[in-house]
Amino acid sequence: MKQPQTAGHRERASAPSIFGALGLPVLLLVPAAILGALSRARGWTRADLRLDEVVQTVRAPWLTVIARGFDVAFSTVAATCLIALLAAVLIAVGRGRAVVVTTSVIAAGWGASSIFKAVVARPRPPLDHQLVLQSGHDSYPSGHVSITVSVVMALGVLAHGSRWFRPVVIVGVVLVTAQALARLYLGVHYPSDVIGSVLVAPAGALTVIALWRRRLARSPGDGQEHPVATTDSR
């Protein structure tokens, strides 16, 4: 005789499998790791540098101002201030849980990038190519692009299920693309670096999103806002 489902059984059935939820982050991290290993090869770096030079042929004073603006706007200090401002706004409008979710999404994407930087330790492009002088072995992946991707994904989580979701996605794609081109234009990153960012940062962010979705699926009906699972339109 079939036993009726208990509340605990229903909870476990409704909660997404954590292994299934992490499939996409793993699929992103594998090519990111391969690309990171290839980026240390001299032949690969020479090819990367030639692509950098193609982008840099369009350098003009007004484009330099825009590229430098992206450099400042998504620097570590500016990004930290932006995250703090976002948190303050969410708290002011009574979305306390959303603060924790969005900041953890940004931190995961940004943090994953930092880990790859330390492991790959790729040297920066030659200084004579740079308009903003940066040296060191932290070229792969691009931190600026990773921060941009992470912030866009966090805003996407906030807008999910609302009329603002599509505009956030469209503007986000444009913003990330512009930031990636700006890093090449300024000569501080290789093409592989910015490609690595759009693999690594989403992998970190999606991991946290998957964990939050699993947690919220296991505690339904608590009367709290669920910023990673909302379907209402505001």
C-alpha atoms as a PDB file:
ATOM      1  CA  MET A   1       0.000   0.000   0.000  1.00  0.00           C
ATOM      2  CA  LYS A   2       1.407   3.401  -1.011  1.00  0.00           C
ATOM      3  CA  GLN A   3       2.273   5.562   1.951  1.00  0.00           C
ATOM      4  CA  PRO A   4       1.052   9.179   1.926  1.00  0.00           C
ATOM      5  CA  GLN A   5       3.743  11.798   1.490  1.00  0.00           C
ATOM      6  CA  THR A   6       4.727  13.578   4.644  1.00  0.00           C
ATOM      7  CA  ALA A   7       5.589  17.276   4.767  1.00  0.00           C
ATOM      8  CA  GLY A   8       9.262  16.324   4.968  1.00  0.00           C
ATOM      9  CA  HIS A   9       8.997  14.143   1.870  1.00  0.00           C
ATOM     10  CA  ARG A  10       7.251  16.896  -0.068  1.00  0.00           C
ATOM     11  CA  GLU A  11       9.928  19.364   1.034  1.00  0.00           C
ATOM     12  CA  ARG A  12      12.741  17.129  -0.156  1.00  0.00           C
ATOM     13  CA  ALA A  13      10.955  16.485  -3.437  1.00  0.00           C
ATOM     14  CA  SER A  14      10.361  20.164  -4.118  1.00  0.00           C
ATOM     15  CA  ALA A  15      13.876  21.315  -3.236  1.00  0.00           C
ATOM     16  CA  PRO A  16      16.110  21.347  -6.343  1.00  0.00           C
ATOM     17  CA  SER A  17      18.996  18.893  -6.374  1.00  0.00           C
ATOM     18  CA  ILE A  18      22.146  20.764  -5.464  1.00  0.00           C
ATOM     19  CA  PHE A  19      24.178  18.600  -7.844  1.00  0.00           C
ATOM     20  CA  GLY A  20      21.815  19.330 -10.712  1.00  0.00           C
ATOM     21  CA  ALA A  21      21.751  23.032  -9.869  1.00  0.00           C
ATOM     22  CA  LEU A  22      25.560  23.218  -9.961  1.00  0.00           C
ATOM     23  CA  GLY A  23      25.791  21.629 -13.405  1.00  0.00           C
ATOM     24  CA  LEU A  24      25.934  24.963 -15.257  1.00  0.00           C
ATOM     25  CA  PRO A  25      28.600  26.518 -12.989  1.00  0.00           C
ATOM     26  CA  VAL A  26      30.767  23.437 -13.530  1.00  0.00           C
ATOM     27  CA  LEU A  27      30.240  23.655 -17.299  1.00  0.00           C
ATOM     28  CA  LEU A  28      31.464  27.254 -17.146  1.00  0.00           C
ATOM     29  CA  LEU A  29      34.440  26.555 -14.890  1.00  0.00           C
ATOM     30  CA  VAL A  30      35.884  23.743 -17.016  1.00  0.00           C
ATOM     31  CA  PRO A  31      36.502  25.878 -20.144  1.00  0.00           C
ATOM     32  CA  ALA A  32      37.575  28.750 -17.888  1.00  0.00           C
ATOM     33  CA  ALA A  33      40.276  26.525 -16.378  1.00  0.00           C
ATOM     34  CA  ILE A  34      41.381  25.299 -19.810  1.00  0.00           C
ATOM     35  CA  LEU A  35      41.518  28.851 -21.143  1.00  0.00           C
ATOM     36  CA  GLY A  36      43.496  29.925 -18.077  1.00  0.00           C
ATOM     37  CA  ALA A  37      46.069  27.201 -18.712  1.00  0.00           C
ATOM     38  CA  LEU A  38      46.337  28.090 -22.391  1.00  0.00           C
ATOM     39  CA  SER A  39      46.739  31.783 -21.598  1.00  0.00           C
ATOM     40  CA  ARG A  40      50.174  31.119 -20.079  1.00  0.00           C
ATOM     41  CA  ALA A  41      51.511  29.763 -23.390  1.00  0.00           C
ATOM     42  CA  ARG A  42      53.738  32.197 -25.311  1.00  0.00           C
ATOM     43  CA  GLY A  43      52.132  31.471 -28.666  1.00  0.00           C
ATOM     44  CA  TRP A  44      48.665  32.061 -27.248  1.00  0.00           C
ATOM     45  CA  THR A  45      49.791  35.337 -25.662  1.00  0.00           C
ATOM     46  CA  ARG A  46      51.284  36.553 -28.958  1.00  0.00           C
ATOM     47  CA  ALA A  47      47.983  35.863 -30.729  1.00  0.00           C
ATOM     48  CA  ASP A  48      46.100  37.602 -27.887  1.00  0.00           C
ATOM     49  CA  LEU A  49      48.348  40.636 -28.177  1.00  0.00           C
ATOM     50  CA  ARG A  50      47.703  40.916 -31.912  1.00  0.00           C
ATOM     51  CA  LEU A  51      43.955  41.044 -31.213  1.00  0.00           C
ATOM     52  CA  ASP A  52      44.601  43.714 -28.581  1.00  0.00           C
ATOM     53  CA  GLU A  53      46.440  45.773 -31.186  1.00  0.00           C
ATOM     54  CA  VAL A  54      43.470  45.546 -33.562  1.00  0.00           C
ATOM     55  CA  VAL A  55      41.189  47.069 -30.921  1.00  0.00           C
ATOM     56  CA  GLN A  56      43.767  49.731 -30.103  1.00  0.00           C
ATOM     57  CA  THR A  57      43.916  50.964 -33.707  1.00  0.00           C
ATOM     58  CA  VAL A  58      40.660  52.895 -33.088  1.00  0.00           C
ATOM     59  CA  ARG A  59      42.071  54.882 -30.172  1.00  0.00           C
ATOM     60  CA  ALA A  60      40.780  58.445 -30.081  1.00  0.00           C
ATOM     61  CA  PRO A  61      40.620  61.076 -27.300  1.00  0.00           C
ATOM     62  CA  TRP A  62      36.849  60.733 -26.777  1.00  0.00           C
ATOM     63  CA  LEU A  63      37.026  56.924 -26.675  1.00  0.00           C
ATOM     64  CA  THR A  64      39.870  57.132 -24.181  1.00  0.00           C
ATOM     65  CA  VAL A  65      37.721  59.268 -21.878  1.00  0.00           C
ATOM     66  CA  ILE A  66      34.931  56.681 -22.025  1.00  0.00           C
ATOM     67  CA  ALA A  67      37.304  53.750 -21.451  1.00  0.00           C
ATOM     68  CA  ARG A  68      38.922  55.513 -18.498  1.00  0.00           C
ATOM     69  CA  GLY A  69      35.437  56.166 -17.128  1.00  0.00           C
ATOM     70  CA  PHE A  70      34.708  52.428 -17.169  1.00  0.00           C
ATOM     71  CA  ASP A  71      38.057  51.832 -15.489  1.00  0.00           C
ATOM     72  CA  VAL A  72      37.202  54.170 -12.597  1.00  0.00           C
ATOM     73  CA  ALA A  73      33.513  53.256 -12.316  1.00  0.00           C
ATOM     74  CA  PHE A  74      34.239  49.560 -11.759  1.00  0.00           C
ATOM     75  CA  SER A  75      37.460  49.794  -9.791  1.00  0.00           C
ATOM     76  CA  THR A  76      37.621  47.999  -6.445  1.00  0.00           C
ATOM     77  CA  VAL A  77      36.845  51.153  -4.461  1.00  0.00           C
ATOM     78  CA  ALA A  78      34.023  52.291  -6.750  1.00  0.00           C
ATOM     79  CA  ALA A  79      32.487  48.802  -6.868  1.00  0.00           C
ATOM     80  CA  THR A  80      32.554  48.563  -3.082  1.00  0.00           C
ATOM     81  CA  CYS A  81      30.783  51.923  -2.832  1.00  0.00           C
ATOM     82  CA  LEU A  82      28.237  50.796  -5.434  1.00  0.00           C
ATOM     83  CA  ILE A  83      27.477  47.621  -3.472  1.00  0.00           C
ATOM     84  CA  ALA A  84      27.104  49.632  -0.265  1.00  0.00           C
ATOM     85  CA  LEU A  85      24.740  52.060  -2.014  1.00  0.00           C
ATOM     86  CA  LEU A  86      22.662  49.186  -3.402  1.00  0.00           C
ATOM     87  CA  ALA A  87      22.441  47.645   0.065  1.00  0.00           C
ATOM     88  CA  ALA A  88      21.391  50.964   1.589  1.00  0.00           C
ATOM     89  CA  VAL A  89      18.632  51.425  -0.992  1.00  0.00           C
ATOM     90  CA  LEU A  90      17.299  47.907  -0.458  1.00  0.00           C
ATOM     91  CA  ILE A  91      17.273  48.354   3.303  1.00  0.00           C
ATOM     92  CA  ALA A  92      15.495  51.693   2.912  1.00  0.00           C
ATOM     93  CA  VAL A  93      12.701  50.065   0.872  1.00  0.00           C
ATOM     94  CA  GLY A  94      12.369  47.177   3.307  1.00  0.00           C
ATOM     95  CA  ARG A  95      14.063  44.423   1.301  1.00  0.00           C
ATOM     96  CA  GLY A  96      16.494  43.198   3.914  1.00  0.00           C
ATOM     97  CA  ARG A  97      16.798  39.635   2.656  1.00  0.00           C
ATOM     98  CA  ALA A  98      17.514  40.923  -0.859  1.00  0.00           C
ATOM     99  CA  VAL A  99      20.586  42.696   0.551  1.00  0.00           C
ATOM    100  CA  VAL A 100      22.079  39.392   1.689  1.00  0.00           C
ATOM    101  CA  VAL A 101      21.225  37.605  -1.554  1.00  0.00           C
ATOM    102  CA  THR A 102      22.516  40.270  -3.934  1.00  0.00           C
ATOM    103  CA  THR A 103      25.705  41.011  -2.028  1.00  0.00           C
ATOM    104  CA  SER A 104      26.502  37.296  -1.803  1.00  0.00           C
ATOM    105  CA  VAL A 105      25.938  36.928  -5.568  1.00  0.00           C
ATOM    106  CA  ILE A 106      28.344  39.796  -6.265  1.00  0.00           C
ATOM    107  CA  ALA A 107      30.881  38.515  -3.754  1.00  0.00           C
ATOM    108  CA  ALA A 108      30.789  35.014  -5.267  1.00  0.00           C
ATOM    109  CA  GLY A 109      31.356  36.227  -8.828  1.00  0.00           C
ATOM    110  CA  TRP A 110      34.065  38.641  -7.761  1.00  0.00           C
ATOM    111  CA  GLY A 111      35.668  36.120  -5.429  1.00  0.00           C
ATOM    112  CA  ALA A 112      35.786  33.376  -8.074  1.00  0.00           C
ATOM    113  CA  SER A 113      37.656  35.798 -10.333  1.00  0.00           C
ATOM    114  CA  SER A 114      40.164  36.564  -7.573  1.00  0.00           C
ATOM    115  CA  ILE A 115      40.829  32.853  -7.032  1.00  0.00           C
ATOM    116  CA  PHE A 116      41.515  32.308 -10.726  1.00  0.00           C
ATOM    117  CA  LYS A 117      43.816  35.347 -10.772  1.00  0.00           C
ATOM    118  CA  ALA A 118      45.917  33.860  -7.984  1.00  0.00           C
ATOM    119  CA  VAL A 119      46.036  30.373  -9.525  1.00  0.00           C
ATOM    120  CA  VAL A 120      46.687  31.317 -13.176  1.00  0.00           C
ATOM    121  CA  ALA A 121      49.032  34.239 -12.363  1.00  0.00           C
ATOM    122  CA  ARG A 122      49.186  35.518 -15.929  1.00  0.00           C
ATOM    123  CA  PRO A 123      51.416  38.563 -16.537  1.00  0.00           C
ATOM    124  CA  ARG A 124      49.750  41.762 -17.732  1.00  0.00           C
ATOM    125  CA  PRO A 125      50.205  42.981 -21.329  1.00  0.00           C
ATOM    126  CA  PRO A 126      53.393  44.985 -22.027  1.00  0.00           C
ATOM    127  CA  LEU A 127      53.399  48.456 -20.485  1.00  0.00           C
ATOM    128  CA  ASP A 128      53.943  50.135 -23.848  1.00  0.00           C
ATOM    129  CA  HIS A 129      50.454  48.966 -24.852  1.00  0.00           C
ATOM    130  CA  GLN A 130      48.743  50.399 -21.772  1.00  0.00           C
ATOM    131  CA  LEU A 131      46.965  53.724 -21.374  1.00  0.00           C
ATOM    132  CA  VAL A 132      46.390  52.972 -17.680  1.00  0.00           C
ATOM    133  CA  LEU A 133      49.603  51.526 -16.297  1.00  0.00           C
ATOM    134  CA  GLN A 134      49.039  48.228 -14.496  1.00  0.00           C
ATOM    135  CA  SER A 135      51.583  45.511 -13.856  1.00  0.00           C
ATOM    136  CA  GLY A 136      51.657  42.210 -12.021  1.00  0.00           C
ATOM    137  CA  HIS A 137      50.623  38.596 -12.543  1.00  0.00           C
ATOM    138  CA  ASP A 138      46.860  39.084 -12.255  1.00  0.00           C
ATOM    139  CA  SER A 139      45.737  39.489 -15.840  1.00  0.00           C
ATOM    140  CA  TYR A 140      43.473  36.420 -16.108  1.00  0.00           C
ATOM    141  CA  PRO A 141      40.576  36.916 -15.717  1.00  0.00           C
ATOM    142  CA  SER A 142      39.716  40.623 -15.828  1.00  0.00           C
ATOM    143  CA  GLY A 143      38.589  41.889 -12.445  1.00  0.00           C
ATOM    144  CA  HIS A 144      36.721  44.846 -13.919  1.00  0.00           C
ATOM    145  CA  VAL A 145      34.702  42.624 -16.242  1.00  0.00           C
ATOM    146  CA  SER A 146      34.054  40.147 -13.437  1.00  0.00           C
ATOM    147  CA  ILE A 147      32.733  42.896 -11.165  1.00  0.00           C
ATOM    148  CA  THR A 148      30.525  44.222 -13.968  1.00  0.00           C
ATOM    149  CA  VAL A 149      29.110  40.757 -14.694  1.00  0.00           C
ATOM    150  CA  SER A 150      28.496  40.088 -10.997  1.00  0.00           C
ATOM    151  CA  VAL A 151      26.666  43.381 -10.439  1.00  0.00           C
ATOM    152  CA  VAL A 152      24.516  42.816 -13.531  1.00  0.00           C
ATOM    153  CA  MET A 153      23.605  39.313 -12.348  1.00  0.00           C
ATOM    154  CA  ALA A 154      22.715  40.617  -8.891  1.00  0.00           C
ATOM    155  CA  LEU A 155      20.441  43.240 -10.445  1.00  0.00           C
ATOM    156  CA  GLY A 156      18.927  40.497 -12.596  1.00  0.00           C
ATOM    157  CA  VAL A 157      18.098  38.541  -9.437  1.00  0.00           C
ATOM    158  CA  LEU A 158      16.363  41.611  -8.007  1.00  0.00           C
ATOM    159  CA  ALA A 159      14.404  42.193 -11.217  1.00  0.00           C
ATOM    160  CA  HIS A 160      13.485  38.547 -11.819  1.00  0.00           C
ATOM    161  CA  GLY A 161       9.773  38.106 -12.413  1.00  0.00           C
ATOM    162  CA  SER A 162       9.149  41.807 -12.880  1.00  0.00           C
ATOM    163  CA  ARG A 163       8.785  44.037 -15.934  1.00  0.00           C
ATOM    164  CA  TRP A 164      12.310  45.309 -15.298  1.00  0.00           C
ATOM    165  CA  PHE A 165      14.006  41.959 -15.914  1.00  0.00           C
ATOM    166  CA  ARG A 166      14.337  42.249 -19.704  1.00  0.00           C
ATOM    167  CA  PRO A 167      15.665  45.838 -19.621  1.00  0.00           C
ATOM    168  CA  VAL A 168      18.187  44.819 -16.952  1.00  0.00           C
ATOM    169  CA  VAL A 169      19.388  41.924 -19.124  1.00  0.00           C
ATOM    170  CA  ILE A 170      19.668  44.068 -22.264  1.00  0.00           C
ATOM    171  CA  VAL A 171      21.451  46.944 -20.534  1.00  0.00           C
ATOM    172  CA  GLY A 172      23.626  44.436 -18.674  1.00  0.00           C
ATOM    173  CA  VAL A 173      24.805  42.738 -21.859  1.00  0.00           C
ATOM    174  CA  VAL A 174      25.680  46.117 -23.387  1.00  0.00           C
ATOM    175  CA  LEU A 175      27.482  47.183 -20.214  1.00  0.00           C
ATOM    176  CA  VAL A 176      29.546  43.989 -19.939  1.00  0.00           C
ATOM    177  CA  THR A 177      30.469  44.139 -23.645  1.00  0.00           C
ATOM    178  CA  ALA A 178      31.509  47.780 -23.332  1.00  0.00           C
ATOM    179  CA  GLN A 179      33.591  47.021 -20.242  1.00  0.00           C
ATOM    180  CA  ALA A 180      35.328  44.112 -21.994  1.00  0.00           C
ATOM    181  CA  LEU A 181      36.199  46.265 -25.007  1.00  0.00           C
ATOM    182  CA  ALA A 182      37.380  49.059 -22.706  1.00  0.00           C
ATOM    183  CA  ARG A 183      39.872  46.724 -21.002  1.00  0.00           C
ATOM    184  CA  LEU A 184      41.315  45.740 -24.389  1.00  0.00           C
ATOM    185  CA  TYR A 185      41.284  49.345 -25.591  1.00  0.00           C
ATOM    186  CA  LEU A 186      43.228  50.487 -22.525  1.00  0.00           C
ATOM    187  CA  GLY A 187      45.746  47.688 -23.117  1.00  0.00           C
ATOM    188  CA  VAL A 188      45.516  46.269 -19.599  1.00  0.00           C
ATOM    189  CA  HIS A 189      44.025  42.889 -20.538  1.00  0.00           C
ATOM    190  CA  TYR A 190      44.126  40.292 -23.282  1.00  0.00           C
ATOM    191  CA  PRO A 191      40.991  38.996 -25.073  1.00  0.00           C
ATOM    192  CA  SER A 192      41.360  35.700 -23.197  1.00  0.00           C
ATOM    193  CA  ASP A 193      41.137  37.613 -19.918  1.00  0.00           C
ATOM    194  CA  VAL A 194      37.758  39.140 -20.663  1.00  0.00           C
ATOM    195  CA  ILE A 195      36.405  35.856 -22.050  1.00  0.00           C
ATOM    196  CA  GLY A 196      37.557  34.164 -18.864  1.00  0.00           C
ATOM    197  CA  SER A 197      35.629  36.725 -16.831  1.00  0.00           C
ATOM    198  CA  VAL A 198      32.321  35.935 -18.533  1.00  0.00           C
ATOM    199  CA  LEU A 199      32.893  32.287 -17.653  1.00  0.00           C
ATOM    200  CA  VAL A 200      34.273  32.528 -14.127  1.00  0.00           C
ATOM    201  CA  ALA A 201      32.121  35.309 -12.636  1.00  0.00           C
ATOM    202  CA  PRO A 202      28.778  33.776 -13.729  1.00  0.00           C
ATOM    203  CA  ALA A 203      29.927  30.402 -12.407  1.00  0.00           C
ATOM    204  CA  GLY A 204      30.521  31.885  -8.954  1.00  0.00           C
ATOM    205  CA  ALA A 205      27.308  33.914  -9.007  1.00  0.00           C
ATOM    206  CA  LEU A 206      25.187  30.995 -10.248  1.00  0.00           C
ATOM    207  CA  THR A 207      26.558  28.763  -7.502  1.00  0.00           C
ATOM    208  CA  VAL A 208      25.280  31.150  -4.836  1.00  0.00           C
ATOM    209  CA  ILE A 209      21.963  31.593  -6.655  1.00  0.00           C
ATOM    210  CA  ALA A 210      21.546  27.796  -6.741  1.00  0.00           C
ATOM    211  CA  LEU A 211      22.245  27.543  -3.011  1.00  0.00           C
ATOM    212  CA  TRP A 212      19.748  30.312  -2.231  1.00  0.00           C
ATOM    213  CA  ARG A 213      17.082  28.695  -4.411  1.00  0.00           C
ATOM    214  CA  ARG A 214      17.580  25.391  -2.629  1.00  0.00           C
ATOM    215  CA  ARG A 215      17.344  27.038   0.774  1.00  0.00           C
ATOM    216  CA  LEU A 216      14.194  28.958  -0.122  1.00  0.00           C
ATOM    217  CA  ALA A 217      12.602  25.884  -1.691  1.00  0.00           C
ATOM    218  CA  ARG A 218      13.098  24.046   1.593  1.00  0.00           C
ATOM    219  CA  SER A 219      11.396  26.783   3.624  1.00  0.00           C
ATOM    220  CA  PRO A 220       8.275  27.832   1.686  1.00  0.00           C
ATOM    221  CA  GLY A 221       5.437  29.874   3.087  1.00  0.00           C
ATOM    222  CA  ASP A 222       7.528  31.800   5.576  1.00  0.00           C
ATOM    223  CA  GLY A 223       5.971  35.099   4.545  1.00  0.00           C
ATOM    224  CA  GLN A 224       9.325  36.580   3.612  1.00  0.00           C
ATOM    225  CA  GLU A 225      10.444  38.049   0.319  1.00  0.00           C
ATOM    226  CA  HIS A 226      12.231  35.607  -1.961  1.00  0.00           C
ATOM    227  CA  PRO A 227      14.365  37.675  -4.338  1.00  0.00           C
ATOM    228  CA  VAL A 228      15.750  34.639  -6.201  1.00  0.00           C
ATOM    229  CA  ALA A 229      12.413  32.971  -6.727  1.00  0.00           C
ATOM    230  CA  THR A 230       9.876  35.757  -7.098  1.00  0.00           C
ATOM    231  CA  THR A 231       7.388  35.661  -9.956  1.00  0.00           C
ATOM    232  CA  ASP A 232       5.380  38.732  -9.156  1.00  0.00           C
ATOM    233  CA  SER A 233       5.397  41.921 -11.232  1.00  0.00           C
ATOM    234  CA  ARG A 234       6.108  45.140  -9.494  1.00  0.00           C
END
